[in-house]
Amino acid sequence: MSQYPITEAQWRVVSTFPKVNRDLRTEHLSPSKDDHPVNDVYWQDVVEFCDRLSQKTGRSYRLPSEAEWEYACRAGTETAYHFGPTITKEYANYEDNGTIPVGDYGVANNFGLYDMHGNIWKWCQDEWHDNYEGAPSDGSA
């Protein structure tokens, strides 16, 4: 799990790595937003990003399963949000106000992960479900 959401600058760099399965779009990126999370990307693009990064580094990168993401997001807490029971503008950018630089709130969860709530939608390997009935017990999608 990345400590911060992937930035536009990181996306731009990885897009120059050799193609694995598909081209990565960069026309939607803005040099003035290098420290903002990459936005407006398809799930297949994010999979390609992970594949390119894996190929370049020799390490395995992939999207988390929805269950893994929720576990990482909650970071041992039992509330709806790692910072408490309700979302607040003190801790998260939400309500479609555009993106802000990653880590701008300076509030990490107990696992040291920033911006788990708000700023952008997060992609996972599988779809969200309202319960875990019939879900794999090994964290796989």
N, C-alpha and C. Protein backbone atom coordinates (compact mmCIF):
# COMPACT_ATOMS: atom_id res chain seq x y z
N MET A 1 0.86 -1.16 0.00
CA MET A 1 0.00 0.00 0.00
C MET A 1 0.91 1.23 0.00
N SER A 2 0.64 2.14 -0.86
CA SER A 2 1.43 3.36 -0.93
C SER A 2 1.10 4.27 0.26
N GLN A 3 2.11 4.92 0.81
CA GLN A 3 1.89 5.81 1.95
C GLN A 3 0.98 6.98 1.57
N TYR A 4 1.08 7.45 0.34
CA TYR A 4 0.25 8.53 -0.19
C TYR A 4 -0.38 8.05 -1.49
N PRO A 5 -1.51 8.65 -1.88
CA PRO A 5 -2.02 8.33 -3.22
C PRO A 5 -0.97 8.65 -4.29
N ILE A 6 -1.01 7.94 -5.40
CA ILE A 6 -0.07 8.16 -6.49
C ILE A 6 -0.28 9.56 -7.06
N THR A 7 0.80 10.30 -7.20
CA THR A 7 0.71 11.68 -7.68
C THR A 7 0.78 11.74 -9.20
N GLU A 8 0.42 12.90 -9.72
CA GLU A 8 0.53 13.12 -11.16
C GLU A 8 1.99 12.99 -11.61
N ALA A 9 2.92 13.46 -10.80
CA ALA A 9 4.34 13.36 -11.15
C ALA A 9 4.77 11.89 -11.22
N GLN A 10 4.33 11.07 -10.27
CA GLN A 10 4.67 9.65 -10.29
C GLN A 10 4.05 8.97 -11.51
N TRP A 11 2.81 9.32 -11.82
CA TRP A 11 2.14 8.75 -12.99
C TRP A 11 2.91 9.09 -14.26
N ARG A 12 3.35 10.34 -14.37
CA ARG A 12 4.08 10.79 -15.56
C ARG A 12 5.37 9.98 -15.73
N VAL A 13 6.10 9.74 -14.65
CA VAL A 13 7.34 8.98 -14.71
C VAL A 13 7.07 7.53 -15.14
N VAL A 14 6.12 6.88 -14.48
CA VAL A 14 5.84 5.47 -14.79
C VAL A 14 5.29 5.32 -16.20
N SER A 15 4.61 6.34 -16.71
CA SER A 15 4.08 6.27 -18.08
C SER A 15 5.20 6.18 -19.12
N THR A 16 6.43 6.55 -18.75
CA THR A 16 7.56 6.46 -19.67
C THR A 16 8.21 5.08 -19.66
N PHE A 17 7.85 4.23 -18.70
CA PHE A 17 8.39 2.87 -18.63
C PHE A 17 7.81 2.05 -19.78
N PRO A 18 8.50 1.01 -20.21
CA PRO A 18 8.01 0.19 -21.32
C PRO A 18 6.59 -0.33 -21.08
N LYS A 19 5.80 -0.26 -22.13
CA LYS A 19 4.41 -0.71 -22.11
C LYS A 19 4.36 -2.21 -21.84
N VAL A 20 3.41 -2.62 -21.00
CA VAL A 20 3.17 -4.04 -20.74
C VAL A 20 1.97 -4.50 -21.58
N ASN A 21 0.83 -3.84 -21.41
CA ASN A 21 -0.38 -4.22 -22.15
C ASN A 21 -1.08 -3.06 -22.86
N ARG A 22 -0.94 -1.86 -22.34
CA ARG A 22 -1.68 -0.74 -22.90
C ARG A 22 -0.94 0.57 -22.67
N ASP A 23 -1.25 1.56 -23.47
CA ASP A 23 -0.68 2.89 -23.30
C ASP A 23 -1.28 3.54 -22.07
N LEU A 24 -0.50 4.41 -21.43
CA LEU A 24 -1.02 5.20 -20.31
C LEU A 24 -1.22 6.63 -20.76
N ARG A 25 -2.42 7.14 -20.56
CA ARG A 25 -2.73 8.51 -20.94
C ARG A 25 -2.05 9.50 -19.99
N THR A 26 -1.56 10.59 -20.54
CA THR A 26 -0.96 11.65 -19.72
C THR A 26 -1.52 13.02 -20.08
N GLU A 27 -2.36 13.10 -21.12
CA GLU A 27 -2.85 14.40 -21.57
C GLU A 27 -3.71 15.11 -20.52
N HIS A 28 -4.24 14.38 -19.56
CA HIS A 28 -5.09 14.98 -18.52
C HIS A 28 -4.26 15.52 -17.34
N LEU A 29 -2.96 15.28 -17.34
CA LEU A 29 -2.10 15.73 -16.25
C LEU A 29 -1.73 17.20 -16.41
N SER A 30 -1.49 17.85 -15.29
CA SER A 30 -1.11 19.26 -15.31
C SER A 30 0.19 19.44 -14.54
N PRO A 31 1.23 20.01 -15.16
CA PRO A 31 2.50 20.20 -14.44
C PRO A 31 2.35 21.00 -13.15
N SER A 32 1.33 21.83 -13.07
CA SER A 32 1.12 22.62 -11.85
C SER A 32 0.49 21.78 -10.74
N LYS A 33 0.14 20.54 -11.06
CA LYS A 33 -0.47 19.67 -10.05
C LYS A 33 0.35 18.41 -9.82
N ASP A 34 1.66 18.50 -9.97
CA ASP A 34 2.52 17.33 -9.80
C ASP A 34 2.35 16.65 -8.45
N ASP A 35 2.04 17.43 -7.41
CA ASP A 35 1.90 16.86 -6.07
C ASP A 35 0.46 16.50 -5.72
N HIS A 36 -0.45 16.59 -6.69
CA HIS A 36 -1.84 16.18 -6.50
C HIS A 36 -1.98 14.71 -6.87
N PRO A 37 -2.99 14.03 -6.33
CA PRO A 37 -3.20 12.64 -6.73
C PRO A 37 -3.63 12.56 -8.19
N VAL A 38 -3.16 11.54 -8.88
CA VAL A 38 -3.59 11.35 -10.26
C VAL A 38 -5.09 11.04 -10.22
N ASN A 39 -5.80 11.63 -11.15
CA ASN A 39 -7.25 11.52 -11.18
C ASN A 39 -7.68 11.25 -12.62
N ASP A 40 -8.91 10.84 -12.81
CA ASP A 40 -9.45 10.62 -14.15
C ASP A 40 -8.69 9.53 -14.89
N VAL A 41 -8.45 8.42 -14.21
CA VAL A 41 -7.80 7.27 -14.83
C VAL A 41 -8.71 6.05 -14.71
N TYR A 42 -8.65 5.20 -15.71
CA TYR A 42 -9.45 3.98 -15.72
C TYR A 42 -8.78 2.90 -14.88
N TRP A 43 -9.61 1.95 -14.42
CA TRP A 43 -9.11 0.83 -13.65
C TRP A 43 -8.01 0.10 -14.42
N GLN A 44 -8.22 -0.12 -15.72
CA GLN A 44 -7.24 -0.82 -16.55
C GLN A 44 -5.92 -0.04 -16.62
N ASP A 45 -6.00 1.30 -16.58
CA ASP A 45 -4.79 2.12 -16.57
C ASP A 45 -3.99 1.91 -15.29
N VAL A 46 -4.70 1.81 -14.18
CA VAL A 46 -4.03 1.62 -12.89
C VAL A 46 -3.37 0.24 -12.84
N VAL A 47 -4.02 -0.75 -13.40
CA VAL A 47 -3.41 -2.08 -13.48
C VAL A 47 -2.14 -2.01 -14.33
N GLU A 48 -2.19 -1.30 -15.44
CA GLU A 48 -1.00 -1.11 -16.29
C GLU A 48 0.10 -0.38 -15.53
N PHE A 49 -0.25 0.64 -14.77
CA PHE A 49 0.71 1.37 -13.94
C PHE A 49 1.43 0.39 -13.01
N CYS A 50 0.67 -0.45 -12.32
CA CYS A 50 1.25 -1.44 -11.40
C CYS A 50 2.14 -2.43 -12.15
N ASP A 51 1.69 -2.88 -13.32
CA ASP A 51 2.47 -3.83 -14.12
C ASP A 51 3.80 -3.21 -14.57
N ARG A 52 3.75 -1.97 -15.01
CA ARG A 52 4.99 -1.30 -15.44
C ARG A 52 5.95 -1.11 -14.28
N LEU A 53 5.41 -0.69 -13.15
CA LEU A 53 6.25 -0.48 -11.97
C LEU A 53 6.87 -1.80 -11.53
N SER A 54 6.09 -2.87 -11.58
CA SER A 54 6.59 -4.20 -11.21
C SER A 54 7.72 -4.63 -12.15
N GLN A 55 7.48 -4.45 -13.44
CA GLN A 55 8.48 -4.84 -14.44
C GLN A 55 9.77 -4.04 -14.28
N LYS A 56 9.65 -2.76 -14.01
CA LYS A 56 10.82 -1.88 -13.89
C LYS A 56 11.64 -2.18 -12.63
N THR A 57 10.95 -2.45 -11.52
CA THR A 57 11.64 -2.60 -10.23
C THR A 57 11.96 -4.04 -9.86
N GLY A 58 11.26 -5.00 -10.51
CA GLY A 58 11.45 -6.40 -10.13
C GLY A 58 10.69 -6.76 -8.85
N ARG A 59 9.88 -5.84 -8.36
CA ARG A 59 9.04 -6.10 -7.18
C ARG A 59 7.59 -6.17 -7.65
N SER A 60 6.75 -6.83 -6.89
CA SER A 60 5.35 -7.00 -7.29
C SER A 60 4.48 -5.86 -6.75
N TYR A 61 3.79 -5.19 -7.66
CA TYR A 61 2.83 -4.14 -7.29
C TYR A 61 1.49 -4.49 -7.91
N ARG A 62 0.41 -4.25 -7.15
CA ARG A 62 -0.94 -4.52 -7.62
C ARG A 62 -1.91 -3.68 -6.80
N LEU A 63 -3.14 -3.65 -7.29
CA LEU A 63 -4.20 -3.01 -6.52
C LEU A 63 -4.56 -3.89 -5.34
N PRO A 64 -4.93 -3.30 -4.20
CA PRO A 64 -5.38 -4.13 -3.09
C PRO A 64 -6.78 -4.66 -3.35
N SER A 65 -7.12 -5.76 -2.72
CA SER A 65 -8.52 -6.19 -2.75
C SER A 65 -9.31 -5.17 -1.93
N GLU A 66 -10.62 -5.18 -2.07
CA GLU A 66 -11.44 -4.25 -1.30
C GLU A 66 -11.27 -4.51 0.19
N ALA A 67 -11.17 -5.77 0.58
CA ALA A 67 -10.99 -6.12 1.98
C ALA A 67 -9.63 -5.63 2.50
N GLU A 68 -8.59 -5.79 1.69
CA GLU A 68 -7.26 -5.28 2.09
C GLU A 68 -7.28 -3.76 2.24
N TRP A 69 -7.95 -3.09 1.28
CA TRP A 69 -8.01 -1.63 1.35
C TRP A 69 -8.73 -1.18 2.62
N GLU A 70 -9.86 -1.80 2.92
CA GLU A 70 -10.61 -1.42 4.12
C GLU A 70 -9.78 -1.66 5.38
N TYR A 71 -9.08 -2.79 5.44
CA TYR A 71 -8.22 -3.09 6.59
C TYR A 71 -7.15 -2.01 6.73
N ALA A 72 -6.49 -1.67 5.62
CA ALA A 72 -5.45 -0.65 5.66
C ALA A 72 -6.02 0.71 6.01
N CYS A 73 -7.20 1.01 5.50
CA CYS A 73 -7.84 2.29 5.77
C CYS A 73 -8.21 2.44 7.24
N ARG A 74 -8.83 1.44 7.80
CA ARG A 74 -9.25 1.50 9.20
C ARG A 74 -8.07 1.47 10.16
N ALA A 75 -7.02 0.78 9.78
CA ALA A 75 -5.78 0.74 10.56
C ALA A 75 -6.01 0.41 12.04
N GLY A 76 -6.83 -0.58 12.29
CA GLY A 76 -7.06 -1.03 13.66
C GLY A 76 -8.14 -0.27 14.41
N THR A 77 -8.76 0.69 13.79
CA THR A 77 -9.83 1.43 14.46
C THR A 77 -11.16 0.72 14.23
N GLU A 78 -12.17 1.10 14.98
CA GLU A 78 -13.49 0.49 14.83
C GLU A 78 -14.54 1.51 14.41
N THR A 79 -14.13 2.71 14.10
CA THR A 79 -15.06 3.75 13.66
C THR A 79 -15.15 3.74 12.14
N ALA A 80 -16.12 4.46 11.61
CA ALA A 80 -16.30 4.51 10.16
C ALA A 80 -15.09 5.10 9.45
N TYR A 81 -14.41 6.02 10.08
CA TYR A 81 -13.22 6.67 9.53
C TYR A 81 -12.09 6.52 10.53
N HIS A 82 -10.88 6.46 10.07
CA HIS A 82 -9.77 6.22 11.00
C HIS A 82 -9.62 7.34 12.02
N PHE A 83 -10.20 8.50 11.74
CA PHE A 83 -10.12 9.64 12.66
C PHE A 83 -11.38 9.85 13.47
N GLY A 84 -12.37 8.97 13.31
CA GLY A 84 -13.59 9.09 14.11
C GLY A 84 -14.83 8.60 13.40
N PRO A 85 -16.00 8.87 13.98
CA PRO A 85 -17.24 8.33 13.44
C PRO A 85 -17.82 9.06 12.23
N THR A 86 -17.41 10.29 11.98
CA THR A 86 -17.94 11.04 10.85
C THR A 86 -16.82 11.72 10.07
N ILE A 87 -17.08 11.92 8.79
CA ILE A 87 -16.10 12.62 7.96
C ILE A 87 -16.23 14.12 8.20
N THR A 88 -15.13 14.80 8.21
CA THR A 88 -15.13 16.24 8.47
C THR A 88 -14.08 16.91 7.61
N LYS A 89 -14.32 18.14 7.25
CA LYS A 89 -13.39 18.88 6.39
C LYS A 89 -12.07 19.18 7.11
N GLU A 90 -12.02 18.93 8.39
CA GLU A 90 -10.77 19.10 9.14
C GLU A 90 -9.76 18.00 8.79
N TYR A 91 -10.28 16.83 8.31
CA TYR A 91 -9.43 15.68 8.05
C TYR A 91 -9.48 15.14 6.63
N ALA A 92 -10.41 15.63 5.81
CA ALA A 92 -10.54 15.06 4.47
C ALA A 92 -11.11 16.07 3.48
N ASN A 93 -10.63 16.00 2.26
CA ASN A 93 -11.13 16.82 1.16
C ASN A 93 -12.21 16.02 0.44
N TYR A 94 -13.43 16.50 0.51
CA TYR A 94 -14.54 15.80 -0.14
C TYR A 94 -15.56 16.82 -0.64
N GLU A 95 -16.65 16.36 -1.18
CA GLU A 95 -17.71 17.19 -1.76
C GLU A 95 -17.32 17.80 -3.09
N ASP A 96 -16.51 17.07 -3.88
CA ASP A 96 -16.18 17.47 -5.25
C ASP A 96 -15.62 18.90 -5.34
N ASN A 97 -14.66 19.20 -4.51
CA ASN A 97 -14.02 20.51 -4.52
C ASN A 97 -12.71 20.50 -5.30
N GLY A 98 -12.47 19.49 -6.10
CA GLY A 98 -11.20 19.36 -6.79
C GLY A 98 -10.19 18.72 -5.86
N THR A 99 -9.04 18.37 -6.41
CA THR A 99 -8.02 17.71 -5.60
C THR A 99 -7.12 18.74 -4.92
N ILE A 100 -6.46 18.29 -3.89
CA ILE A 100 -5.45 19.09 -3.19
C ILE A 100 -4.18 18.24 -3.14
N PRO A 101 -3.02 18.83 -2.85
CA PRO A 101 -1.79 18.03 -2.78
C PRO A 101 -1.91 16.87 -1.79
N VAL A 102 -1.29 15.74 -2.13
CA VAL A 102 -1.33 14.58 -1.24
C VAL A 102 -0.68 14.92 0.09
N GLY A 103 -1.25 14.38 1.16
CA GLY A 103 -0.71 14.61 2.49
C GLY A 103 -0.93 16.00 3.04
N ASP A 104 -1.70 16.83 2.35
CA ASP A 104 -1.89 18.23 2.74
C ASP A 104 -2.50 18.38 4.13
N TYR A 105 -3.34 17.44 4.54
CA TYR A 105 -3.95 17.53 5.86
C TYR A 105 -2.97 17.13 6.96
N GLY A 106 -1.92 16.41 6.59
CA GLY A 106 -0.91 16.01 7.57
C GLY A 106 -1.41 15.00 8.59
N VAL A 107 -2.47 14.28 8.27
CA VAL A 107 -3.05 13.32 9.20
C VAL A 107 -2.97 11.92 8.59
N ALA A 108 -2.11 11.09 9.17
CA ALA A 108 -2.00 9.70 8.73
C ALA A 108 -2.82 8.82 9.66
N ASN A 109 -3.21 7.66 9.17
CA ASN A 109 -3.88 6.71 10.06
C ASN A 109 -2.83 5.97 10.89
N ASN A 110 -3.25 5.01 11.69
CA ASN A 110 -2.31 4.29 12.57
C ASN A 110 -1.27 3.47 11.82
N PHE A 111 -1.49 3.22 10.53
CA PHE A 111 -0.52 2.50 9.71
C PHE A 111 0.39 3.45 8.94
N GLY A 112 0.24 4.76 9.15
CA GLY A 112 1.07 5.74 8.46
C GLY A 112 0.62 6.05 7.04
N LEU A 113 -0.64 5.75 6.73
CA LEU A 113 -1.18 6.00 5.39
C LEU A 113 -1.98 7.30 5.39
N TYR A 114 -1.76 8.13 4.38
CA TYR A 114 -2.41 9.44 4.28
C TYR A 114 -3.52 9.42 3.23
N ASP A 115 -4.48 10.31 3.42
CA ASP A 115 -5.54 10.56 2.44
C ASP A 115 -6.35 9.31 2.08
N MET A 116 -6.60 8.47 3.06
CA MET A 116 -7.41 7.29 2.81
C MET A 116 -8.87 7.66 2.58
N HIS A 117 -9.28 8.82 3.08
CA HIS A 117 -10.64 9.31 2.88
C HIS A 117 -10.57 10.60 2.08
N GLY A 118 -11.42 10.72 1.09
CA GLY A 118 -11.52 11.96 0.34
C GLY A 118 -10.43 12.14 -0.70
N ASN A 119 -10.43 13.31 -1.30
CA ASN A 119 -9.52 13.77 -2.33
C ASN A 119 -9.78 13.11 -3.69
N ILE A 120 -9.73 11.79 -3.76
CA ILE A 120 -10.03 11.05 -5.00
C ILE A 120 -10.69 9.73 -4.63
N TRP A 121 -11.35 9.12 -5.63
CA TRP A 121 -11.85 7.77 -5.46
C TRP A 121 -10.66 6.81 -5.54
N LYS A 122 -10.74 5.72 -4.81
CA LYS A 122 -9.66 4.74 -4.80
C LYS A 122 -10.08 3.49 -5.57
N TRP A 123 -9.16 2.94 -6.37
CA TRP A 123 -9.41 1.72 -7.12
C TRP A 123 -8.95 0.51 -6.30
N CYS A 124 -9.69 -0.58 -6.41
CA CYS A 124 -9.32 -1.86 -5.79
C CYS A 124 -9.40 -2.94 -6.86
N GLN A 125 -8.86 -4.13 -6.56
CA GLN A 125 -8.92 -5.25 -7.50
C GLN A 125 -10.35 -5.67 -7.78
N ASP A 126 -11.18 -5.64 -6.76
CA ASP A 126 -12.55 -6.12 -6.89
C ASP A 126 -13.53 -5.03 -6.48
N GLU A 127 -14.79 -5.33 -6.62
CA GLU A 127 -15.83 -4.36 -6.31
C GLU A 127 -16.16 -4.34 -4.83
N TRP A 128 -16.70 -3.21 -4.38
CA TRP A 128 -17.15 -3.06 -3.00
C TRP A 128 -18.38 -3.91 -2.76
N HIS A 129 -18.45 -4.50 -1.58
CA HIS A 129 -19.64 -5.26 -1.14
C HIS A 129 -20.02 -4.76 0.24
N ASP A 130 -21.30 -4.80 0.54
CA ASP A 130 -21.74 -4.26 1.84
C ASP A 130 -21.52 -5.23 2.99
N ASN A 131 -21.07 -6.45 2.69
CA ASN A 131 -20.73 -7.40 3.75
C ASN A 131 -19.69 -8.38 3.21
N TYR A 132 -19.22 -9.25 4.06
CA TYR A 132 -18.18 -10.20 3.66
C TYR A 132 -18.69 -11.62 3.56
N GLU A 133 -20.00 -11.81 3.43
CA GLU A 133 -20.55 -13.15 3.29
C GLU A 133 -20.02 -13.79 2.01
N GLY A 134 -19.43 -14.96 2.16
CA GLY A 134 -18.90 -15.69 1.00
C GLY A 134 -17.59 -15.14 0.46
N ALA A 135 -17.00 -14.14 1.12
CA ALA A 135 -15.74 -13.55 0.66
C ALA A 135 -14.58 -14.47 0.99
N PRO A 136 -13.52 -14.44 0.19
CA PRO A 136 -12.34 -15.25 0.51
C PRO A 136 -11.75 -14.84 1.86
N SER A 137 -11.24 -15.78 2.61
CA SER A 137 -10.69 -15.47 3.93
C SER A 137 -9.19 -15.15 3.86
N ASP A 138 -8.60 -15.25 2.67
CA ASP A 138 -7.16 -15.00 2.54
C ASP A 138 -6.84 -13.59 2.02
N GLY A 139 -7.84 -12.71 1.92
CA GLY A 139 -7.60 -11.35 1.46
C GLY A 139 -7.61 -11.20 -0.05
N SER A 140 -7.75 -12.30 -0.78
CA SER A 140 -7.75 -12.19 -2.24
C SER A 140 -9.06 -11.58 -2.72
N ALA A 141 -9.02 -11.10 -3.94
CA ALA A 141 -10.21 -10.44 -4.51
C ALA A 141 -11.30 -11.45 -4.78
